[in-house]
N, C-alpha and C. Protein backbone atom coordinates (compact mmCIF):
# COMPACT_ATOMS: atom_id res chain seq x y z
N UNK A 1 -12.56 -16.04 2.38
CA UNK A 1 -11.30 -16.70 2.62
C UNK A 1 -10.87 -16.46 4.05
N UNK A 2 -10.76 -17.50 4.81
CA UNK A 2 -10.43 -17.38 6.22
C UNK A 2 -8.95 -17.48 6.51
N UNK A 3 -8.18 -18.04 5.61
CA UNK A 3 -6.77 -18.26 5.87
C UNK A 3 -5.99 -16.95 5.82
N UNK A 4 -5.33 -16.63 6.92
CA UNK A 4 -4.59 -15.38 7.02
C UNK A 4 -3.42 -15.36 6.04
N UNK A 5 -2.88 -16.52 5.65
CA UNK A 5 -1.76 -16.57 4.71
C UNK A 5 -2.14 -16.07 3.32
N UNK A 6 -3.42 -16.07 3.00
CA UNK A 6 -3.85 -15.68 1.66
C UNK A 6 -4.12 -14.19 1.54
N UNK A 7 -4.07 -13.45 2.65
CA UNK A 7 -4.33 -12.02 2.60
C UNK A 7 -3.26 -11.32 1.79
N UNK A 8 -3.71 -10.51 0.86
CA UNK A 8 -2.78 -9.73 0.03
C UNK A 8 -3.48 -8.48 -0.44
N UNK A 9 -2.69 -7.51 -0.87
CA UNK A 9 -3.24 -6.30 -1.44
C UNK A 9 -2.39 -5.91 -2.64
N UNK A 10 -3.08 -5.49 -3.70
CA UNK A 10 -2.42 -5.07 -4.93
C UNK A 10 -2.11 -3.58 -4.83
N UNK A 11 -0.85 -3.22 -5.05
CA UNK A 11 -0.39 -1.84 -4.98
C UNK A 11 -0.02 -1.38 -6.38
N UNK A 12 -0.58 -0.23 -6.83
CA UNK A 12 -0.37 0.22 -8.20
C UNK A 12 0.54 1.44 -8.33
N UNK A 13 0.90 2.07 -7.22
CA UNK A 13 1.79 3.21 -7.32
C UNK A 13 2.03 3.89 -5.99
N UNK A 14 2.98 4.81 -6.03
CA UNK A 14 3.36 5.60 -4.87
C UNK A 14 2.66 6.95 -4.97
N UNK A 15 2.11 7.43 -3.87
CA UNK A 15 1.40 8.71 -3.87
C UNK A 15 2.36 9.86 -4.16
N UNK A 16 1.93 10.73 -5.06
CA UNK A 16 2.73 11.91 -5.43
C UNK A 16 2.73 12.93 -4.30
N UNK A 17 3.61 13.93 -4.39
CA UNK A 17 3.62 15.02 -3.40
C UNK A 17 2.28 15.74 -3.35
N UNK A 18 1.64 15.89 -4.51
CA UNK A 18 0.32 16.53 -4.56
C UNK A 18 -0.68 15.76 -3.70
N UNK A 19 -0.68 14.46 -3.83
CA UNK A 19 -1.59 13.60 -3.05
C UNK A 19 -1.20 13.65 -1.58
N UNK A 20 0.09 13.58 -1.29
CA UNK A 20 0.55 13.63 0.10
C UNK A 20 0.11 14.91 0.78
N UNK A 21 0.15 16.03 0.06
CA UNK A 21 -0.31 17.29 0.64
C UNK A 21 -1.79 17.26 0.96
N UNK A 22 -2.60 16.65 0.09
CA UNK A 22 -4.04 16.53 0.34
C UNK A 22 -4.35 15.63 1.54
N UNK A 23 -3.57 14.58 1.70
CA UNK A 23 -3.83 13.57 2.72
C UNK A 23 -2.94 13.73 3.95
N UNK A 24 -2.25 14.85 4.05
CA UNK A 24 -1.28 15.10 5.13
C UNK A 24 -1.87 14.84 6.51
N UNK A 25 -3.05 15.35 6.77
CA UNK A 25 -3.64 15.22 8.11
C UNK A 25 -4.07 13.79 8.43
N UNK A 26 -4.37 13.01 7.42
CA UNK A 26 -4.83 11.64 7.65
C UNK A 26 -3.67 10.65 7.71
N UNK A 27 -2.67 10.82 6.84
CA UNK A 27 -1.61 9.82 6.73
C UNK A 27 -0.38 10.09 7.58
N UNK A 28 -0.01 11.36 7.77
CA UNK A 28 1.12 11.72 8.63
C UNK A 28 2.38 10.90 8.31
N UNK A 29 2.92 11.08 7.11
CA UNK A 29 4.07 10.32 6.62
C UNK A 29 5.36 10.76 7.31
N UNK A 30 6.14 9.79 7.80
CA UNK A 30 7.45 10.01 8.42
C UNK A 30 8.53 9.37 7.55
N UNK A 31 9.77 9.39 8.02
CA UNK A 31 10.92 8.93 7.23
C UNK A 31 10.83 7.49 6.72
N UNK A 32 10.42 6.56 7.53
CA UNK A 32 10.36 5.15 7.11
C UNK A 32 8.97 4.75 6.64
N UNK A 33 8.16 5.73 6.25
CA UNK A 33 6.80 5.47 5.78
C UNK A 33 6.70 5.75 4.29
N UNK A 34 5.71 5.14 3.68
CA UNK A 34 5.41 5.40 2.28
C UNK A 34 3.89 5.34 2.11
N UNK A 35 3.36 6.21 1.27
CA UNK A 35 1.92 6.20 0.96
C UNK A 35 1.75 5.55 -0.40
N UNK A 36 0.92 4.52 -0.44
CA UNK A 36 0.74 3.73 -1.66
C UNK A 36 -0.72 3.69 -2.07
N UNK A 37 -0.95 3.70 -3.38
CA UNK A 37 -2.29 3.50 -3.94
C UNK A 37 -2.54 2.00 -4.01
N UNK A 38 -3.56 1.54 -3.30
CA UNK A 38 -3.92 0.13 -3.27
C UNK A 38 -5.20 -0.07 -4.07
N UNK A 39 -5.19 -1.09 -4.91
CA UNK A 39 -6.34 -1.41 -5.75
C UNK A 39 -7.43 -2.07 -4.90
N UNK A 40 -8.57 -2.41 -5.55
CA UNK A 40 -9.67 -3.07 -4.84
C UNK A 40 -9.13 -4.25 -4.03
N UNK A 41 -9.49 -4.31 -2.78
CA UNK A 41 -9.06 -5.40 -1.92
C UNK A 41 -10.12 -6.48 -1.88
N UNK A 42 -9.68 -7.71 -1.82
CA UNK A 42 -10.58 -8.84 -1.65
C UNK A 42 -10.78 -9.16 -0.16
N UNK A 43 -10.11 -8.39 0.70
CA UNK A 43 -10.09 -8.69 2.12
C UNK A 43 -10.33 -7.43 2.94
N UNK A 44 -10.84 -7.59 4.15
CA UNK A 44 -10.80 -6.55 5.16
C UNK A 44 -9.45 -6.72 5.85
N UNK A 45 -8.57 -5.73 5.72
CA UNK A 45 -7.23 -5.84 6.29
C UNK A 45 -7.08 -4.75 7.34
N UNK A 46 -6.99 -5.11 8.62
CA UNK A 46 -6.95 -4.10 9.69
C UNK A 46 -5.61 -3.37 9.73
N UNK A 47 -5.64 -2.11 10.20
CA UNK A 47 -4.38 -1.41 10.43
C UNK A 47 -3.59 -2.21 11.46
N UNK A 48 -2.28 -2.15 11.33
CA UNK A 48 -1.40 -2.95 12.17
C UNK A 48 -1.03 -4.28 11.53
N UNK A 49 -1.74 -4.65 10.44
CA UNK A 49 -1.44 -5.91 9.76
C UNK A 49 -0.04 -5.86 9.19
N UNK A 50 0.70 -6.94 9.33
CA UNK A 50 2.08 -7.01 8.86
C UNK A 50 2.19 -7.89 7.62
N UNK A 51 2.63 -7.27 6.53
CA UNK A 51 2.95 -8.01 5.31
C UNK A 51 4.43 -8.37 5.37
N UNK A 52 4.80 -9.47 4.76
CA UNK A 52 6.19 -9.92 4.81
C UNK A 52 6.79 -10.22 3.45
N UNK A 53 6.05 -9.93 2.38
CA UNK A 53 6.53 -10.27 1.05
C UNK A 53 6.04 -9.27 0.02
N UNK A 54 6.94 -8.85 -0.86
CA UNK A 54 6.56 -8.08 -2.05
C UNK A 54 6.66 -9.05 -3.21
N UNK A 55 5.54 -9.24 -3.90
CA UNK A 55 5.48 -10.15 -5.06
C UNK A 55 5.31 -9.33 -6.33
N UNK A 56 6.10 -9.61 -7.34
CA UNK A 56 6.06 -8.88 -8.59
C UNK A 56 4.90 -9.28 -9.48
N UNK A 57 4.77 -8.56 -10.59
CA UNK A 57 3.68 -8.80 -11.55
C UNK A 57 3.72 -10.21 -12.12
N UNK A 58 4.91 -10.80 -12.19
CA UNK A 58 5.05 -12.14 -12.77
C UNK A 58 4.96 -13.24 -11.72
N UNK A 59 4.61 -12.86 -10.49
CA UNK A 59 4.49 -13.85 -9.43
C UNK A 59 5.80 -14.15 -8.73
N UNK A 60 6.86 -13.41 -9.06
CA UNK A 60 8.16 -13.64 -8.44
C UNK A 60 8.26 -12.91 -7.10
N UNK A 61 8.92 -13.53 -6.15
CA UNK A 61 9.15 -12.91 -4.85
C UNK A 61 10.29 -11.92 -5.00
N UNK A 62 10.02 -10.65 -4.69
CA UNK A 62 11.01 -9.59 -4.87
C UNK A 62 11.73 -9.27 -3.58
N UNK A 63 11.01 -9.22 -2.48
CA UNK A 63 11.58 -8.84 -1.20
C UNK A 63 10.76 -9.48 -0.08
N UNK A 64 11.44 -9.84 1.00
CA UNK A 64 10.71 -10.44 2.13
C UNK A 64 11.06 -9.71 3.42
N UNK A 65 10.60 -8.48 3.49
CA UNK A 65 10.85 -7.67 4.68
C UNK A 65 9.53 -7.17 5.25
N UNK A 66 9.58 -6.76 6.51
CA UNK A 66 8.38 -6.34 7.23
C UNK A 66 7.82 -5.02 6.66
N UNK A 67 6.53 -5.05 6.32
CA UNK A 67 5.79 -3.88 5.83
C UNK A 67 4.48 -3.83 6.62
N UNK A 68 4.32 -2.79 7.44
CA UNK A 68 3.17 -2.73 8.34
C UNK A 68 2.17 -1.68 7.84
N UNK A 69 0.91 -2.08 7.73
CA UNK A 69 -0.18 -1.17 7.36
C UNK A 69 -0.47 -0.27 8.57
N UNK A 70 -0.21 1.02 8.42
CA UNK A 70 -0.36 1.95 9.54
C UNK A 70 -1.66 2.75 9.49
N UNK A 71 -1.97 3.33 8.31
CA UNK A 71 -3.17 4.18 8.18
C UNK A 71 -3.80 3.95 6.82
N UNK A 72 -5.11 4.18 6.74
CA UNK A 72 -5.87 3.93 5.53
C UNK A 72 -6.82 5.10 5.28
N UNK A 73 -6.92 5.51 4.02
CA UNK A 73 -7.88 6.52 3.61
C UNK A 73 -8.33 6.17 2.19
N UNK A 74 -9.14 7.06 1.61
CA UNK A 74 -9.58 6.86 0.23
C UNK A 74 -9.79 8.22 -0.40
N UNK A 75 -10.46 8.29 -1.51
CA UNK A 75 -10.60 9.51 -2.28
C UNK A 75 -11.26 10.68 -1.58
N UNK A 76 -11.99 10.43 -0.50
CA UNK A 76 -12.67 11.52 0.20
C UNK A 76 -11.94 11.95 1.46
N UNK A 77 -10.71 11.51 1.61
CA UNK A 77 -9.83 11.89 2.71
C UNK A 77 -10.46 11.58 4.08
N UNK A 78 -11.07 10.42 4.17
CA UNK A 78 -11.64 9.96 5.44
C UNK A 78 -10.76 8.83 5.98
N UNK A 79 -10.44 8.85 7.26
CA UNK A 79 -9.64 7.75 7.82
C UNK A 79 -10.48 6.50 8.02
N UNK A 80 -9.87 5.35 7.79
CA UNK A 80 -10.49 4.05 8.04
C UNK A 80 -9.61 3.30 9.03
N UNK A 81 -10.15 2.30 9.71
CA UNK A 81 -9.34 1.48 10.59
C UNK A 81 -8.92 0.18 9.91
N UNK A 82 -9.16 0.09 8.61
CA UNK A 82 -8.79 -1.09 7.82
C UNK A 82 -8.85 -0.74 6.34
N UNK A 83 -8.26 -1.60 5.54
CA UNK A 83 -8.53 -1.57 4.10
C UNK A 83 -9.82 -2.36 3.96
N UNK A 84 -10.93 -1.68 3.61
CA UNK A 84 -12.20 -2.41 3.51
C UNK A 84 -12.29 -3.22 2.21
N UNK A 85 -12.84 -4.39 2.34
CA UNK A 85 -13.04 -5.25 1.18
C UNK A 85 -13.83 -4.50 0.11
N UNK A 86 -13.32 -4.57 -1.14
CA UNK A 86 -14.03 -3.97 -2.26
C UNK A 86 -13.75 -2.50 -2.48
N UNK A 87 -12.80 -1.91 -1.73
CA UNK A 87 -12.50 -0.48 -1.87
C UNK A 87 -11.08 -0.24 -2.33
N UNK A 88 -10.89 0.81 -3.12
CA UNK A 88 -9.56 1.30 -3.43
C UNK A 88 -9.17 2.26 -2.33
N UNK A 89 -7.91 2.21 -1.93
CA UNK A 89 -7.47 3.04 -0.82
C UNK A 89 -6.10 3.65 -1.07
N UNK A 90 -5.79 4.65 -0.27
CA UNK A 90 -4.44 5.18 -0.17
C UNK A 90 -4.00 4.85 1.23
N UNK A 91 -2.87 4.15 1.34
CA UNK A 91 -2.45 3.64 2.63
C UNK A 91 -1.04 4.05 2.99
N UNK A 92 -0.85 4.28 4.27
CA UNK A 92 0.48 4.54 4.81
C UNK A 92 1.02 3.22 5.33
N UNK A 93 2.22 2.88 4.87
CA UNK A 93 2.91 1.68 5.32
C UNK A 93 4.23 2.08 5.98
N UNK A 94 4.56 1.42 7.05
CA UNK A 94 5.85 1.58 7.71
C UNK A 94 6.75 0.45 7.20
N UNK A 95 7.94 0.82 6.74
CA UNK A 95 8.81 -0.15 6.07
C UNK A 95 10.07 -0.42 6.87
N UNK A 96 10.65 -1.59 6.65
CA UNK A 96 11.94 -1.90 7.23
C UNK A 96 12.88 -2.35 6.13
N UNK A 97 14.16 -2.36 6.43
CA UNK A 97 15.15 -2.84 5.48
C UNK A 97 15.16 -2.05 4.19
N UNK A 98 15.29 -2.78 3.09
CA UNK A 98 15.41 -2.15 1.77
C UNK A 98 14.08 -2.09 1.01
N UNK A 99 12.97 -2.36 1.68
CA UNK A 99 11.69 -2.39 0.97
C UNK A 99 11.31 -1.04 0.39
N UNK A 100 11.73 0.08 1.01
CA UNK A 100 11.45 1.41 0.45
C UNK A 100 12.11 1.55 -0.93
N UNK A 101 13.39 1.21 -1.01
CA UNK A 101 14.09 1.29 -2.29
C UNK A 101 13.50 0.32 -3.31
N UNK A 102 13.11 -0.85 -2.85
CA UNK A 102 12.52 -1.85 -3.75
C UNK A 102 11.23 -1.31 -4.36
N UNK A 103 10.34 -0.79 -3.54
CA UNK A 103 9.07 -0.25 -4.05
C UNK A 103 9.31 0.94 -4.97
N UNK A 104 10.22 1.82 -4.60
CA UNK A 104 10.50 2.99 -5.44
C UNK A 104 11.13 2.61 -6.78
N UNK A 105 11.83 1.50 -6.84
CA UNK A 105 12.45 1.08 -8.11
C UNK A 105 11.44 0.41 -9.04
N UNK A 106 10.32 -0.05 -8.51
CA UNK A 106 9.34 -0.78 -9.31
C UNK A 106 8.13 0.09 -9.66
N UNK A 107 7.60 0.80 -8.66
CA UNK A 107 6.32 1.50 -8.83
C UNK A 107 6.50 2.96 -9.22
N UNK A 108 5.62 3.48 -10.07
CA UNK A 108 5.68 4.90 -10.42
C UNK A 108 5.03 5.78 -9.35
N UNK A 109 5.38 7.04 -9.37
CA UNK A 109 4.71 8.03 -8.52
C UNK A 109 3.49 8.51 -9.30
N UNK A 110 2.31 8.41 -8.67
CA UNK A 110 1.06 8.69 -9.39
C UNK A 110 0.13 9.58 -8.57
N UNK A 111 -0.90 10.12 -9.26
CA UNK A 111 -1.91 10.97 -8.62
C UNK A 111 -3.23 10.27 -8.41
N UNK A 112 -3.46 9.14 -9.09
CA UNK A 112 -4.67 8.34 -8.86
C UNK A 112 -4.46 6.91 -9.32
N UNK A 113 -5.43 6.07 -9.06
CA UNK A 113 -5.31 4.63 -9.26
C UNK A 113 -5.17 4.24 -10.73
N UNK A 114 -5.55 5.09 -11.65
CA UNK A 114 -5.60 4.70 -13.06
C UNK A 114 -4.39 5.16 -13.87
N UNK A 115 -3.39 5.72 -13.24
CA UNK A 115 -2.22 6.23 -13.95
C UNK A 115 -1.13 5.18 -14.17
N UNK A 116 -1.32 3.98 -13.69
CA UNK A 116 -0.25 2.99 -13.75
C UNK A 116 -0.76 1.63 -14.21
N UNK A 117 0.04 0.97 -15.05
CA UNK A 117 -0.23 -0.41 -15.43
C UNK A 117 0.66 -1.36 -14.63
N UNK A 118 1.58 -0.80 -13.85
CA UNK A 118 2.48 -1.61 -13.03
C UNK A 118 1.83 -1.91 -11.69
N UNK A 119 2.26 -2.96 -11.05
CA UNK A 119 1.76 -3.28 -9.72
C UNK A 119 2.66 -4.29 -9.03
N UNK A 120 2.51 -4.38 -7.74
CA UNK A 120 3.07 -5.46 -6.93
C UNK A 120 1.98 -5.90 -5.96
N UNK A 121 2.16 -7.06 -5.40
CA UNK A 121 1.28 -7.51 -4.32
C UNK A 121 2.08 -7.48 -3.02
N UNK A 122 1.45 -7.01 -1.97
CA UNK A 122 1.99 -7.17 -0.63
C UNK A 122 1.28 -8.36 -0.03
N UNK A 123 2.04 -9.31 0.49
CA UNK A 123 1.48 -10.54 1.04
C UNK A 123 2.04 -10.77 2.43
């Protein structure tokens, strides 16, 4: 898929404090950042990519604020320069506006990708 408008990533939860402690050196979370568990991606999404929409499980638009992909890692605590196609990742996103509260109200805090049946898409 070449169209940049179709790029999206499925997010299944917020990284727990336990996970944040393990990934501290790779993700470096600050006040307006959040670490999210991202499911298998259908796209190579480079760091710096800007998402502008949070879409709910039912396809409804929940929020349309800037969400920037800052850092990417995975289960072996290795940094990546993108969300690689076909991989599950833990990603640091920089948020603006009320998107932090929106994500926290929808997604659970989890320790791995399989602890949640809830999700949103970042588009």
